[in-house]
N, C-alpha and C. Protein backbone atom coordinates (compact mmCIF):
# COMPACT_ATOMS: atom_id res chain seq x y z
N MET A 1 61.81 -127.07 121.63
CA MET A 1 60.98 -126.18 120.84
C MET A 1 61.19 -124.75 121.36
N PRO A 2 61.52 -123.81 120.50
CA PRO A 2 61.73 -122.43 120.94
C PRO A 2 60.41 -121.77 121.32
N ALA A 3 60.50 -120.82 122.22
CA ALA A 3 59.32 -120.09 122.67
C ALA A 3 58.77 -119.24 121.52
N VAL A 4 57.46 -119.11 121.44
CA VAL A 4 56.82 -118.35 120.37
C VAL A 4 57.25 -116.89 120.40
N LEU A 5 57.35 -116.32 121.59
CA LEU A 5 57.72 -114.90 121.70
C LEU A 5 59.22 -114.70 121.86
N GLY A 6 59.95 -115.75 122.13
CA GLY A 6 61.39 -115.63 122.27
C GLY A 6 61.84 -114.84 123.49
N LEU A 7 61.03 -114.82 124.53
CA LEU A 7 61.37 -114.07 125.74
C LEU A 7 62.12 -114.95 126.73
N PRO A 8 62.91 -114.34 127.59
CA PRO A 8 63.47 -115.12 128.70
C PRO A 8 62.33 -115.45 129.67
N ALA A 9 62.58 -116.37 130.59
CA ALA A 9 61.54 -116.83 131.52
C ALA A 9 60.90 -115.66 132.27
N TRP A 10 61.69 -114.69 132.71
CA TRP A 10 61.12 -113.57 133.47
C TRP A 10 60.18 -112.72 132.61
N GLY A 11 60.37 -112.74 131.29
CA GLY A 11 59.52 -111.96 130.40
C GLY A 11 58.09 -112.47 130.39
N TYR A 12 57.92 -113.78 130.52
CA TYR A 12 56.57 -114.34 130.57
C TYR A 12 55.89 -113.98 131.89
N GLY A 13 56.67 -113.96 132.96
CA GLY A 13 56.14 -113.50 134.24
C GLY A 13 55.71 -112.04 134.17
N LEU A 14 56.50 -111.24 133.49
CA LEU A 14 56.16 -109.83 133.30
C LEU A 14 54.85 -109.69 132.51
N LEU A 15 54.68 -110.50 131.47
CA LEU A 15 53.43 -110.47 130.70
C LEU A 15 52.23 -110.83 131.57
N LEU A 16 52.39 -111.81 132.44
CA LEU A 16 51.29 -112.16 133.35
C LEU A 16 50.97 -111.00 134.28
N GLY A 17 51.99 -110.31 134.74
CA GLY A 17 51.77 -109.13 135.59
C GLY A 17 51.04 -108.02 134.85
N VAL A 18 51.40 -107.82 133.59
CA VAL A 18 50.71 -106.81 132.76
C VAL A 18 49.24 -107.18 132.61
N GLY A 19 48.98 -108.46 132.37
CA GLY A 19 47.60 -108.92 132.27
C GLY A 19 46.84 -108.68 133.56
N ALA A 20 47.48 -108.92 134.69
CA ALA A 20 46.83 -108.70 135.98
C ALA A 20 46.47 -107.23 136.17
N ILE A 21 47.33 -106.35 135.72
CA ILE A 21 47.03 -104.91 135.81
C ILE A 21 45.78 -104.59 134.99
N GLY A 22 45.65 -105.18 133.81
CA GLY A 22 44.46 -105.00 132.99
C GLY A 22 43.21 -105.46 133.72
N GLY A 23 43.29 -106.61 134.38
CA GLY A 23 42.15 -107.13 135.13
C GLY A 23 41.75 -106.23 136.28
N LEU A 24 42.73 -105.70 136.99
CA LEU A 24 42.44 -104.78 138.09
C LEU A 24 41.80 -103.50 137.57
N ALA A 25 42.32 -103.00 136.47
CA ALA A 25 41.75 -101.78 135.88
C ALA A 25 40.32 -102.03 135.42
N GLY A 26 40.07 -103.18 134.81
CA GLY A 26 38.72 -103.52 134.37
C GLY A 26 37.75 -103.57 135.53
N GLY A 27 38.16 -104.22 136.62
CA GLY A 27 37.31 -104.29 137.79
C GLY A 27 37.00 -102.92 138.36
N ALA A 28 38.00 -102.06 138.35
CA ALA A 28 37.81 -100.70 138.88
C ALA A 28 36.90 -99.86 137.98
N LEU A 29 36.89 -100.15 136.69
CA LEU A 29 36.08 -99.37 135.75
C LEU A 29 34.69 -99.96 135.48
N ALA A 30 34.39 -101.09 136.08
CA ALA A 30 33.15 -101.81 135.76
C ALA A 30 31.90 -100.98 135.99
N ALA A 31 31.81 -100.30 137.09
CA ALA A 31 30.60 -99.50 137.37
C ALA A 31 30.43 -98.39 136.34
N ARG A 32 31.51 -97.74 135.99
CA ARG A 32 31.44 -96.65 135.00
C ARG A 32 31.02 -97.19 133.63
N VAL A 33 31.60 -98.31 133.23
CA VAL A 33 31.25 -98.91 131.94
C VAL A 33 29.76 -99.29 131.93
N THR A 34 29.29 -99.87 133.01
CA THR A 34 27.89 -100.29 133.09
C THR A 34 26.95 -99.09 133.01
N ARG A 35 27.30 -98.01 133.68
CA ARG A 35 26.47 -96.80 133.61
C ARG A 35 26.43 -96.24 132.19
N LEU A 36 27.53 -96.33 131.47
CA LEU A 36 27.60 -95.78 130.12
C LEU A 36 26.82 -96.60 129.10
N ILE A 37 26.88 -97.93 129.19
CA ILE A 37 26.30 -98.74 128.11
C ILE A 37 25.34 -99.83 128.58
N SER A 38 24.93 -99.86 129.81
CA SER A 38 23.99 -100.83 130.38
C SER A 38 24.70 -102.14 130.70
N PRO A 39 24.14 -102.90 131.63
CA PRO A 39 24.75 -104.20 131.93
C PRO A 39 24.83 -105.13 130.72
N ALA A 40 23.75 -105.20 129.93
CA ALA A 40 23.76 -106.07 128.75
C ALA A 40 24.84 -105.63 127.76
N GLY A 41 24.93 -104.33 127.54
CA GLY A 41 25.95 -103.80 126.63
C GLY A 41 27.35 -104.06 127.16
N ALA A 42 27.51 -103.90 128.48
CA ALA A 42 28.83 -104.13 129.08
C ALA A 42 29.25 -105.59 128.94
N LEU A 43 28.33 -106.51 129.21
CA LEU A 43 28.67 -107.92 129.11
C LEU A 43 29.02 -108.30 127.66
N ALA A 44 28.22 -107.85 126.72
CA ALA A 44 28.52 -108.14 125.31
C ALA A 44 29.83 -107.49 124.88
N ALA A 45 30.06 -106.25 125.30
CA ALA A 45 31.30 -105.56 124.95
C ALA A 45 32.51 -106.26 125.55
N CYS A 46 32.36 -106.80 126.75
CA CYS A 46 33.46 -107.54 127.37
C CYS A 46 33.85 -108.75 126.53
N LEU A 47 32.85 -109.50 126.09
CA LEU A 47 33.15 -110.68 125.28
C LEU A 47 33.75 -110.28 123.93
N GLY A 48 33.22 -109.23 123.31
CA GLY A 48 33.78 -108.75 122.05
C GLY A 48 35.20 -108.23 122.21
N SER A 49 35.43 -107.50 123.29
CA SER A 49 36.78 -106.98 123.56
C SER A 49 37.75 -108.12 123.84
N ALA A 50 37.30 -109.12 124.58
CA ALA A 50 38.17 -110.27 124.84
C ALA A 50 38.53 -110.98 123.54
N ALA A 51 37.58 -111.07 122.61
CA ALA A 51 37.87 -111.68 121.31
C ALA A 51 38.96 -110.89 120.58
N ILE A 52 38.86 -109.56 120.63
CA ILE A 52 39.88 -108.72 119.99
C ILE A 52 41.24 -108.93 120.66
N GLY A 53 41.25 -108.97 121.98
CA GLY A 53 42.50 -109.20 122.71
C GLY A 53 43.11 -110.55 122.37
N GLN A 54 42.27 -111.59 122.30
CA GLN A 54 42.76 -112.92 121.94
C GLN A 54 43.33 -112.93 120.52
N LEU A 55 42.68 -112.22 119.63
CA LEU A 55 43.17 -112.12 118.26
C LEU A 55 44.55 -111.46 118.24
N MET A 56 44.70 -110.39 119.04
CA MET A 56 46.00 -109.72 119.13
C MET A 56 47.08 -110.68 119.62
N ILE A 57 46.74 -111.46 120.64
CA ILE A 57 47.71 -112.39 121.22
C ILE A 57 48.04 -113.51 120.25
N GLY A 58 47.03 -114.03 119.58
CA GLY A 58 47.21 -115.21 118.74
C GLY A 58 47.86 -114.97 117.40
N LEU A 59 47.88 -113.72 116.94
CA LEU A 59 48.40 -113.46 115.60
C LEU A 59 49.75 -112.75 115.56
N THR A 60 50.42 -112.66 116.69
CA THR A 60 51.67 -111.90 116.69
C THR A 60 52.78 -112.66 117.39
N SER A 61 53.99 -112.24 117.12
CA SER A 61 55.16 -112.69 117.86
C SER A 61 55.80 -111.52 118.59
N SER A 62 55.11 -110.39 118.61
CA SER A 62 55.61 -109.19 119.28
C SER A 62 55.18 -109.19 120.74
N PRO A 63 56.12 -109.17 121.67
CA PRO A 63 55.75 -109.11 123.09
C PRO A 63 54.94 -107.86 123.44
N VAL A 64 55.18 -106.76 122.75
CA VAL A 64 54.44 -105.53 123.03
C VAL A 64 52.97 -105.69 122.63
N VAL A 65 52.72 -106.29 121.47
CA VAL A 65 51.34 -106.52 121.03
C VAL A 65 50.66 -107.54 121.94
N VAL A 66 51.39 -108.57 122.35
CA VAL A 66 50.83 -109.55 123.28
C VAL A 66 50.47 -108.88 124.60
N ALA A 67 51.34 -108.00 125.09
CA ALA A 67 51.03 -107.27 126.33
C ALA A 67 49.75 -106.45 126.16
N GLY A 68 49.60 -105.79 125.03
CA GLY A 68 48.37 -105.05 124.76
C GLY A 68 47.16 -105.96 124.72
N GLY A 69 47.29 -107.11 124.08
CA GLY A 69 46.20 -108.07 124.03
C GLY A 69 45.84 -108.60 125.40
N LEU A 70 46.85 -108.82 126.23
CA LEU A 70 46.58 -109.27 127.60
C LEU A 70 45.87 -108.20 128.41
N ILE A 71 46.25 -106.95 128.22
CA ILE A 71 45.57 -105.85 128.93
C ILE A 71 44.11 -105.78 128.50
N VAL A 72 43.87 -105.87 127.19
CA VAL A 72 42.49 -105.81 126.68
C VAL A 72 41.67 -106.99 127.20
N THR A 73 42.20 -108.19 127.05
CA THR A 73 41.46 -109.39 127.47
C THR A 73 41.23 -109.40 128.98
N SER A 74 42.27 -109.16 129.74
CA SER A 74 42.13 -109.18 131.19
C SER A 74 41.24 -108.04 131.69
N GLY A 75 41.36 -106.88 131.06
CA GLY A 75 40.48 -105.77 131.42
C GLY A 75 39.03 -106.11 131.14
N ALA A 76 38.77 -106.74 130.00
CA ALA A 76 37.40 -107.13 129.65
C ALA A 76 36.85 -108.12 130.67
N PHE A 77 37.65 -109.08 131.06
CA PHE A 77 37.16 -110.06 132.03
C PHE A 77 37.10 -109.48 133.45
N GLY A 78 37.88 -108.43 133.73
CA GLY A 78 37.72 -107.73 135.00
C GLY A 78 36.36 -107.04 135.08
N VAL A 79 35.97 -106.39 133.99
CA VAL A 79 34.64 -105.78 133.93
C VAL A 79 33.58 -106.88 133.99
N TRP A 80 33.76 -107.93 133.21
CA TRP A 80 32.80 -109.04 133.15
C TRP A 80 32.52 -109.59 134.55
N ALA A 81 33.59 -109.84 135.32
CA ALA A 81 33.42 -110.46 136.64
C ALA A 81 32.49 -109.63 137.52
N VAL A 82 32.67 -108.32 137.51
CA VAL A 82 31.85 -107.45 138.35
C VAL A 82 30.42 -107.38 137.81
N VAL A 83 30.27 -107.12 136.52
CA VAL A 83 28.93 -106.92 135.94
C VAL A 83 28.13 -108.21 135.96
N ALA A 84 28.74 -109.33 135.62
CA ALA A 84 28.01 -110.61 135.60
C ALA A 84 27.53 -110.98 136.99
N ARG A 85 28.39 -110.85 137.98
CA ARG A 85 27.98 -111.21 139.35
C ARG A 85 26.90 -110.27 139.85
N THR A 86 27.05 -108.99 139.60
CA THR A 86 26.04 -108.01 140.03
C THR A 86 24.71 -108.28 139.35
N THR A 87 24.74 -108.55 138.07
CA THR A 87 23.51 -108.83 137.32
C THR A 87 22.85 -110.11 137.83
N ARG A 88 23.64 -111.14 138.07
CA ARG A 88 23.10 -112.39 138.59
C ARG A 88 22.43 -112.15 139.94
N GLN A 89 23.06 -111.38 140.80
CA GLN A 89 22.49 -111.11 142.12
C GLN A 89 21.21 -110.28 142.01
N ARG A 90 21.19 -109.35 141.07
CA ARG A 90 20.02 -108.49 140.90
C ARG A 90 18.83 -109.27 140.34
N LEU A 91 19.07 -110.22 139.45
CA LEU A 91 18.00 -110.95 138.79
C LEU A 91 17.54 -112.20 139.55
N THR A 92 18.30 -112.64 140.53
CA THR A 92 17.97 -113.87 141.26
C THR A 92 17.15 -113.55 142.50
N PRO A 93 16.04 -114.26 142.71
CA PRO A 93 15.27 -114.07 143.94
C PRO A 93 16.15 -114.35 145.16
N ALA A 94 15.95 -113.58 146.21
CA ALA A 94 16.80 -113.66 147.41
C ALA A 94 16.90 -115.08 147.97
N ASP A 95 15.79 -115.81 148.00
CA ASP A 95 15.81 -117.15 148.57
C ASP A 95 16.53 -118.17 147.70
N MET A 96 16.87 -117.81 146.47
CA MET A 96 17.58 -118.70 145.55
C MET A 96 19.04 -118.29 145.34
N LEU A 97 19.44 -117.16 145.89
CA LEU A 97 20.76 -116.60 145.57
C LEU A 97 21.91 -117.53 145.94
N GLY A 98 21.85 -118.17 147.08
CA GLY A 98 22.92 -119.09 147.48
C GLY A 98 23.07 -120.25 146.52
N ARG A 99 21.95 -120.84 146.13
CA ARG A 99 21.98 -121.98 145.21
C ARG A 99 22.46 -121.56 143.83
N VAL A 100 21.97 -120.42 143.35
CA VAL A 100 22.37 -119.95 142.03
C VAL A 100 23.86 -119.61 142.01
N SER A 101 24.33 -118.93 143.06
CA SER A 101 25.76 -118.59 143.14
C SER A 101 26.62 -119.84 143.22
N SER A 102 26.19 -120.83 144.00
CA SER A 102 26.95 -122.09 144.10
C SER A 102 26.97 -122.83 142.78
N ALA A 103 25.84 -122.85 142.08
CA ALA A 103 25.79 -123.52 140.78
C ALA A 103 26.72 -122.82 139.79
N ALA A 104 26.73 -121.49 139.80
CA ALA A 104 27.61 -120.74 138.90
C ALA A 104 29.07 -121.04 139.22
N MET A 105 29.43 -121.07 140.49
CA MET A 105 30.81 -121.35 140.87
C MET A 105 31.20 -122.78 140.50
N THR A 106 30.28 -123.71 140.69
CA THR A 106 30.55 -125.10 140.30
C THR A 106 30.79 -125.21 138.80
N ALA A 107 29.98 -124.50 138.01
CA ALA A 107 30.17 -124.53 136.56
C ALA A 107 31.54 -123.98 136.18
N VAL A 108 31.93 -122.87 136.78
CA VAL A 108 33.23 -122.27 136.46
C VAL A 108 34.37 -123.18 136.89
N MET A 109 34.28 -123.70 138.11
CA MET A 109 35.36 -124.55 138.62
C MET A 109 35.44 -125.88 137.88
N SER A 110 34.35 -126.33 137.30
CA SER A 110 34.37 -127.56 136.49
C SER A 110 34.88 -127.29 135.08
N ALA A 111 34.50 -126.16 134.52
CA ALA A 111 34.89 -125.84 133.15
C ALA A 111 36.38 -125.48 133.06
N SER A 112 36.94 -124.90 134.10
CA SER A 112 38.34 -124.46 134.04
C SER A 112 39.32 -125.61 133.75
N PRO A 113 39.30 -126.70 134.51
CA PRO A 113 40.24 -127.78 134.17
C PRO A 113 39.92 -128.45 132.84
N LEU A 114 38.64 -128.54 132.50
CA LEU A 114 38.29 -129.12 131.21
C LEU A 114 38.78 -128.24 130.06
N GLY A 115 38.66 -126.94 130.22
CA GLY A 115 39.18 -126.02 129.21
C GLY A 115 40.68 -126.10 129.08
N ALA A 116 41.36 -126.24 130.23
CA ALA A 116 42.82 -126.37 130.20
C ALA A 116 43.24 -127.66 129.49
N LEU A 117 42.53 -128.74 129.77
CA LEU A 117 42.83 -130.01 129.10
C LEU A 117 42.59 -129.91 127.60
N LEU A 118 41.44 -129.37 127.22
CA LEU A 118 41.13 -129.22 125.80
C LEU A 118 42.14 -128.29 125.11
N GLY A 119 42.48 -127.19 125.79
CA GLY A 119 43.48 -126.28 125.23
C GLY A 119 44.82 -126.95 125.02
N GLY A 120 45.22 -127.79 125.97
CA GLY A 120 46.47 -128.53 125.84
C GLY A 120 46.44 -129.50 124.67
N LEU A 121 45.32 -130.16 124.51
CA LEU A 121 45.19 -131.10 123.38
C LEU A 121 45.21 -130.37 122.05
N VAL A 122 44.51 -129.23 121.97
CA VAL A 122 44.51 -128.43 120.74
C VAL A 122 45.92 -127.92 120.44
N ALA A 123 46.61 -127.44 121.47
CA ALA A 123 47.98 -126.93 121.28
C ALA A 123 48.93 -128.04 120.85
N ALA A 124 48.77 -129.23 121.42
CA ALA A 124 49.65 -130.35 121.04
C ALA A 124 49.45 -130.74 119.58
N GLU A 125 48.23 -130.61 119.11
CA GLU A 125 47.92 -131.01 117.74
C GLU A 125 48.22 -129.91 116.72
N TRP A 126 47.87 -128.65 117.04
CA TRP A 126 47.95 -127.57 116.04
C TRP A 126 48.86 -126.41 116.42
N GLY A 127 49.53 -126.48 117.56
CA GLY A 127 50.47 -125.44 117.95
C GLY A 127 49.93 -124.52 119.04
N LEU A 128 50.85 -123.75 119.62
CA LEU A 128 50.53 -122.92 120.77
C LEU A 128 49.52 -121.81 120.48
N ARG A 129 49.47 -121.35 119.27
CA ARG A 129 48.52 -120.27 118.93
C ARG A 129 47.09 -120.77 118.79
N ALA A 130 46.92 -122.03 118.45
CA ALA A 130 45.60 -122.57 118.14
C ALA A 130 44.57 -122.40 119.27
N PRO A 131 44.88 -122.74 120.52
CA PRO A 131 43.85 -122.59 121.55
C PRO A 131 43.42 -121.13 121.75
N ILE A 132 44.35 -120.23 121.57
CA ILE A 132 44.03 -118.80 121.71
C ILE A 132 43.11 -118.37 120.57
N LEU A 133 43.42 -118.78 119.36
CA LEU A 133 42.62 -118.39 118.20
C LEU A 133 41.27 -119.10 118.15
N VAL A 134 41.19 -120.31 118.68
CA VAL A 134 39.90 -121.02 118.73
C VAL A 134 38.91 -120.23 119.58
N GLY A 135 39.40 -119.53 120.58
CA GLY A 135 38.51 -118.76 121.44
C GLY A 135 37.90 -117.55 120.78
N VAL A 136 38.49 -117.04 119.71
CA VAL A 136 38.00 -115.81 119.08
C VAL A 136 36.57 -115.97 118.55
N PRO A 137 36.28 -116.96 117.71
CA PRO A 137 34.88 -117.09 117.26
C PRO A 137 33.94 -117.46 118.39
N VAL A 138 34.41 -118.23 119.36
CA VAL A 138 33.56 -118.59 120.50
C VAL A 138 33.16 -117.33 121.27
N LEU A 139 34.12 -116.46 121.55
CA LEU A 139 33.83 -115.21 122.26
C LEU A 139 32.94 -114.29 121.43
N THR A 140 33.15 -114.26 120.13
CA THR A 140 32.35 -113.40 119.25
C THR A 140 30.89 -113.85 119.24
N VAL A 141 30.67 -115.14 119.10
CA VAL A 141 29.30 -115.66 119.13
C VAL A 141 28.68 -115.43 120.51
N ALA A 142 29.46 -115.67 121.55
CA ALA A 142 28.95 -115.46 122.91
C ALA A 142 28.56 -114.00 123.13
N ALA A 143 29.31 -113.06 122.55
CA ALA A 143 28.97 -111.64 122.67
C ALA A 143 27.62 -111.35 122.05
N ALA A 144 27.39 -111.90 120.87
CA ALA A 144 26.11 -111.68 120.18
C ALA A 144 24.95 -112.31 120.96
N VAL A 145 25.14 -113.54 121.41
CA VAL A 145 24.09 -114.22 122.18
C VAL A 145 23.82 -113.48 123.48
N CYS A 146 24.87 -113.06 124.14
CA CYS A 146 24.72 -112.33 125.39
C CYS A 146 23.91 -111.05 125.18
N PHE A 147 24.27 -110.29 124.18
CA PHE A 147 23.55 -109.05 123.93
C PHE A 147 22.09 -109.31 123.60
N LEU A 148 21.85 -110.27 122.72
CA LEU A 148 20.47 -110.53 122.28
C LEU A 148 19.60 -111.07 123.42
N THR A 149 20.16 -111.87 124.30
CA THR A 149 19.36 -112.43 125.38
C THR A 149 19.25 -111.50 126.58
N MET A 150 20.22 -110.63 126.78
CA MET A 150 20.23 -109.78 127.97
C MET A 150 19.66 -108.39 127.74
N ARG A 151 19.51 -107.96 126.51
CA ARG A 151 19.13 -106.56 126.26
C ARG A 151 17.79 -106.20 126.88
N GLU A 152 16.86 -107.15 126.97
CA GLU A 152 15.55 -106.86 127.56
C GLU A 152 15.64 -106.75 129.08
N ARG A 153 16.62 -107.43 129.67
CA ARG A 153 16.77 -107.45 131.12
C ARG A 153 17.63 -106.32 131.63
N GLY A 154 18.50 -105.78 130.72
CA GLY A 154 19.49 -104.78 130.92
C GLY A 154 19.49 -103.99 132.09
């Protein structure tokens, strides 16, 4: 089966590196973004931006557009990582912080392999673009729920 983007093997490694740069930039900009639009706004914007990035990745065969989508998505999750952890620490009572942080890490570490398995099954059935595009409505709904539930705590 030919590759969707038609890149040589090193090209996919380069795309991963571009995505990593987006994530580093997002992490570096997280405090500024939070000051501009509040933690609730930042978290919702991250999910909405990630949906846009996933849409860019899932609807094209252009490596340049995919690189842009990876920068957007990775940058959004770079901001998310900082803002979500900071918000969780700020809202959690000190005597519960270890347990809450451990529970959050357990949830992430459990969901990651399950998501990879589900993504593989979706891709095997409907093609390589399907798992990427399935995430778009999920991220969009999550952005709305995040904003509506977090705006009072902001």
